[in-house]
Protein backbone atom coordinates (compact mmCIF):
# COMPACT_ATOMS: atom_id res chain seq x y z
CA UNK A 1 2.57 0.36 -17.17
CA UNK A 2 3.58 -2.99 -15.70
CA UNK A 3 4.53 -4.98 -12.64
CA UNK A 4 8.28 -4.90 -12.19
CA UNK A 5 8.10 -7.48 -9.41
CA UNK A 6 5.70 -9.37 -7.14
CA UNK A 7 7.06 -9.50 -3.58
CA UNK A 8 6.14 -11.89 -0.76
CA UNK A 9 7.25 -11.52 2.84
CA UNK A 10 9.24 -13.86 5.02
CA UNK A 11 8.66 -13.70 8.80
CA UNK A 12 11.40 -12.19 10.88
CA UNK A 13 11.66 -10.94 14.49
CA UNK A 14 10.20 -7.50 15.11
CA UNK A 15 12.13 -5.64 17.80
CA UNK A 16 10.50 -2.33 16.83
CA UNK A 17 6.90 -3.10 17.79
CA UNK A 18 4.79 -5.14 20.15
CA UNK A 19 4.23 -7.96 17.63
CA UNK A 20 6.74 -10.78 17.88
CA UNK A 21 7.25 -11.01 14.12
CA UNK A 22 6.87 -8.86 11.00
CA UNK A 23 6.32 -9.61 7.33
CA UNK A 24 7.91 -6.37 6.08
CA UNK A 25 10.86 -8.28 4.59
CA UNK A 26 9.37 -8.72 1.11
CA UNK A 27 11.35 -10.38 -1.68
CA UNK A 28 10.59 -10.80 -5.42
CA UNK A 29 9.29 -14.22 -6.36
CA UNK A 30 9.43 -16.10 -9.64
CA UNK A 31 6.39 -17.47 -11.32
CA UNK A 32 2.69 -16.68 -10.81
CA UNK A 33 1.27 -15.68 -7.43
CA UNK A 34 -2.36 -16.22 -6.57
CA UNK A 35 -4.33 -13.11 -5.53
CA UNK A 36 -7.57 -13.46 -3.55
CA UNK A 37 -9.86 -11.60 -1.18
CA UNK A 38 -8.42 -12.02 2.37
CA UNK A 39 -11.54 -11.23 4.38
CA UNK A 40 -11.72 -8.97 7.40
CA UNK A 41 -8.76 -7.76 9.42
CA UNK A 42 -7.68 -9.81 12.39
CA UNK A 43 -6.56 -13.09 10.89
CA UNK A 44 -3.24 -12.00 9.40
CA UNK A 45 -4.46 -12.79 5.90
CA UNK A 46 -3.57 -10.57 2.94
CA UNK A 47 -4.23 -10.77 -0.77
CA UNK A 48 -1.14 -12.60 -1.96
CA UNK A 49 -0.64 -16.33 -1.46
CA UNK A 50 2.31 -17.07 0.80
CA UNK A 51 2.25 -13.66 2.49
CA UNK A 52 0.71 -12.48 5.77
CA UNK A 53 0.88 -9.73 8.41
CA UNK A 54 1.59 -10.14 12.11
CA UNK A 55 0.23 -6.88 13.54
CA UNK A 56 -3.36 -8.07 13.41
CA UNK A 57 -4.80 -4.85 14.80
CA UNK A 58 -3.38 -2.42 12.24
CA UNK A 59 -2.62 -4.42 9.10
CA UNK A 60 -4.20 -6.91 6.76
CA UNK A 61 -7.80 -7.50 5.72
CA UNK A 62 -9.77 -6.53 2.65
CA UNK A 63 -8.93 -2.82 2.55
CA UNK A 64 -5.17 -3.55 2.85
CA UNK A 65 -5.08 -6.72 0.76
CA UNK A 66 -2.18 -5.65 -1.49
CA UNK A 67 0.38 -2.81 -1.11
CA UNK A 68 1.87 -1.19 -4.21
CA UNK A 69 4.86 1.16 -4.48
CA UNK A 70 6.35 2.69 -7.62
CA UNK A 71 9.87 1.83 -8.71
CA UNK A 72 10.27 5.50 -9.64
CA UNK A 73 9.62 6.53 -6.03
CA UNK A 74 12.04 3.93 -4.71
CA UNK A 75 14.63 5.41 -7.06
CA UNK A 76 13.81 8.91 -5.71
CA UNK A 77 14.58 7.74 -2.16
CA UNK A 78 17.91 6.05 -2.93
CA UNK A 79 20.14 9.16 -2.83
CA UNK A 80 18.64 10.31 0.48
CA UNK A 81 18.87 6.89 2.10
CA UNK A 82 22.32 6.33 0.59
CA UNK A 83 21.68 2.77 -0.56
CA UNK A 84 20.24 0.69 -3.35
CA UNK A 85 16.58 -0.12 -2.71
CA UNK A 86 15.68 -3.47 -4.15
CA UNK A 87 12.08 -4.11 -5.18
CA UNK A 88 10.16 -4.95 -2.00
CA UNK A 89 12.41 -2.78 0.19
CA UNK A 90 9.48 -0.72 1.48
CA UNK A 91 7.46 -3.86 2.24
CA UNK A 92 5.41 -3.53 -0.93
CA UNK A 93 3.77 -6.54 -2.57
CA UNK A 94 3.79 -4.94 -6.01
CA UNK A 95 6.65 -2.85 -7.35
CA UNK A 96 5.26 -1.03 -10.36
CA UNK A 97 6.84 0.71 -13.34
CA UNK A 98 5.15 3.53 -15.19
CA UNK A 99 2.18 3.68 -12.77
CA UNK A 100 1.36 6.92 -10.95
CA UNK A 101 0.62 5.16 -7.68
CA UNK A 102 0.41 8.26 -5.50
CA UNK A 103 -1.62 10.09 -8.12
CA UNK A 104 -4.14 7.24 -8.36
CA UNK A 105 -7.67 8.06 -7.29
CA UNK A 106 -9.28 6.32 -4.34
CA UNK A 107 -11.59 3.81 -6.02
CA UNK A 108 -9.53 3.62 -9.17
CA UNK A 109 -9.36 0.05 -10.55
CA UNK A 110 -6.36 -1.63 -12.13
CA UNK A 111 -6.39 -4.78 -14.24
CA UNK A 112 -3.16 -6.67 -13.80
CA UNK A 113 -2.44 -9.39 -16.31
CA UNK A 114 -5.51 -11.04 -17.76
CA UNK A 115 -7.73 -11.75 -14.73
CA UNK A 116 -6.91 -9.77 -11.60
CA UNK A 117 -8.64 -6.49 -10.85
CA UNK A 118 -7.58 -4.42 -7.82
CA UNK A 119 -9.15 -1.25 -6.41
CA UNK A 120 -7.18 1.56 -4.79
CA UNK A 121 -8.44 1.94 -1.22
CA UNK A 122 -6.14 4.12 0.87
CA UNK A 123 -2.55 5.28 1.47
CA UNK A 124 0.00 3.52 3.65
CA UNK A 125 0.56 5.25 7.00
CA UNK A 126 4.18 4.71 8.25
CA UNK A 127 4.80 2.92 11.54
CA UNK A 128 7.66 2.08 13.87
CA UNK A 129 8.34 -1.21 12.12
CA UNK A 130 8.92 0.60 8.82
CA UNK A 131 11.34 3.04 10.48
CA UNK A 132 13.19 0.27 12.30
CA UNK A 133 13.41 -1.87 9.16
CA UNK A 134 15.12 0.95 7.25
CA UNK A 135 17.34 1.77 10.23
CA UNK A 136 16.71 5.45 9.76
CA UNK A 137 16.05 7.73 12.72
CA UNK A 138 13.27 10.18 12.01
CA UNK A 139 12.03 8.15 9.03
CA UNK A 140 8.36 8.34 9.94
CA UNK A 141 8.53 12.12 9.95
CA UNK A 142 10.53 12.28 6.70
CA UNK A 143 8.27 9.79 4.86
CA UNK A 144 5.21 11.72 6.03
CA UNK A 145 6.63 15.04 4.81
CA UNK A 146 7.35 13.61 1.36
CA UNK A 147 3.76 12.37 0.89
CA UNK A 148 4.82 9.47 -1.33
CA UNK A 149 3.00 6.76 0.65
CA UNK A 150 2.14 4.17 -1.95
CA UNK A 151 -1.30 2.62 -2.17
CA UNK A 152 -3.20 -0.18 -0.54
CA UNK A 153 -5.58 -2.04 -2.81
CA UNK A 154 -8.53 -4.36 -2.33
CA UNK A 155 -9.21 -7.41 -4.49
CA UNK A 156 -12.16 -7.09 -6.87
CA UNK A 157 -11.43 -10.00 -9.17
CA UNK A 158 -9.03 -12.76 -8.08
CA UNK A 159 -6.52 -14.63 -10.22
CA UNK A 160 -2.79 -14.99 -10.74
CA UNK A 161 -0.19 -12.28 -11.34
CA UNK A 162 3.51 -12.31 -12.10
CA UNK A 163 6.41 -9.95 -12.79
CA UNK A 164 6.08 -8.37 -16.23
CA UNK A 165 2.27 -8.35 -16.27
CA UNK A 166 0.77 -5.22 -17.81
CA UNK A 167 -1.18 -2.85 -15.58
CA UNK A 168 -4.21 -1.13 -17.10
CA UNK A 169 -6.49 1.43 -15.48
CA UNK A 170 -10.00 0.19 -16.19
CA UNK A 171 -11.98 2.60 -14.04
CA UNK A 172 -11.46 6.09 -12.65
CA UNK A 173 -14.14 7.49 -10.29
CA UNK A 174 -15.56 10.99 -10.70
CA UNK A 175 -13.73 12.84 -7.93
CA UNK A 176 -10.24 14.25 -7.31
CA UNK A 177 -9.23 12.42 -4.14
CA UNK A 178 -5.85 10.85 -4.83
CA UNK A 179 -3.72 8.57 -2.67
CA UNK A 180 -1.35 11.47 -1.97
CA UNK A 181 -4.16 13.88 -1.11
CA UNK A 182 -5.77 11.42 1.31
CA UNK A 183 -2.39 10.79 2.94
CA UNK A 184 -1.75 14.50 3.39
CA UNK A 185 -5.24 14.99 4.83
CA UNK A 186 -4.85 12.14 7.31
CA UNK A 187 -1.41 13.32 8.48
CA UNK A 188 -0.10 16.91 8.23
CA UNK A 189 -2.89 18.78 6.45
CA UNK A 190 -6.17 18.17 8.30
CA UNK A 191 -7.80 21.09 6.50
CA UNK A 192 -8.07 18.71 3.52
CA UNK A 193 -10.10 16.12 5.48
CA UNK A 194 -13.59 17.21 4.30
CA UNK A 195 -12.57 16.53 0.71
CA UNK A 196 -12.03 12.84 1.43
CA UNK A 197 -15.72 12.05 1.86
CA UNK A 198 -16.17 12.46 -1.88
CA UNK A 199 -14.35 9.13 -2.28
CA UNK A 200 -16.93 6.41 -1.65
CA UNK A 201 -14.26 3.71 -1.86
CA UNK A 202 -12.31 5.10 1.08
CA UNK A 203 -12.34 2.46 3.89
CA UNK A 204 -15.07 2.94 6.47
CA UNK A 205 -12.43 3.26 9.18
CA UNK A 206 -10.90 6.26 7.37
CA UNK A 207 -14.32 7.82 6.80
CA UNK A 208 -15.04 7.52 10.51
CA UNK A 209 -11.77 9.28 11.26
CA UNK A 210 -12.71 12.11 8.89
CA UNK A 211 -16.13 12.52 10.51
CA UNK A 212 -14.71 12.42 14.03
CA UNK A 213 -12.06 15.03 13.28
CA UNK A 214 -14.32 17.37 11.30
CA UNK A 215 -17.60 16.91 13.19
CA UNK A 216 -19.41 15.90 9.98
């Protein structure tokens, strides 16, 4: 298990959403990248140095510090999208190889390289910017049906990472709530929502959504 690439965004106009700009255009970078705790949502800060978000209401902050997507899942999408998907194409900060990103447990911790530890927090929910970026009508619906969302992670231990760093799972919590299961529960399969509360590391915002929808 390793990092295939570390990807940092460059600002570009966002005609698909209310925000003037978007950071979804992520490109692989050479050399080490500093990873640190970004603090609460609302500032645009994320976990990787040199990157940021522009939709301050819905993106960024501690629970969405770093976004990871598996190279294997990008490869799976290529025939359907009819194009080569370079690392970073889905707006991910980390393109992994050999890591079961969607099968990761909420609260699972990964050591990357020698110092950085990240914790799986929640799935990515697709938005209009993502659909517009890929220039694919109906993409939000298709991405949701596939339930291959990738994972947001929070920063537990800061440090530097770079392409080629090994990824090691150093903690797995005692529940069965995966990234894919939580995504399905929050989108098309609300009957799964009660199961999510077993995952203490789920963001408080998501827990509130579960309680509101289930009356718990």
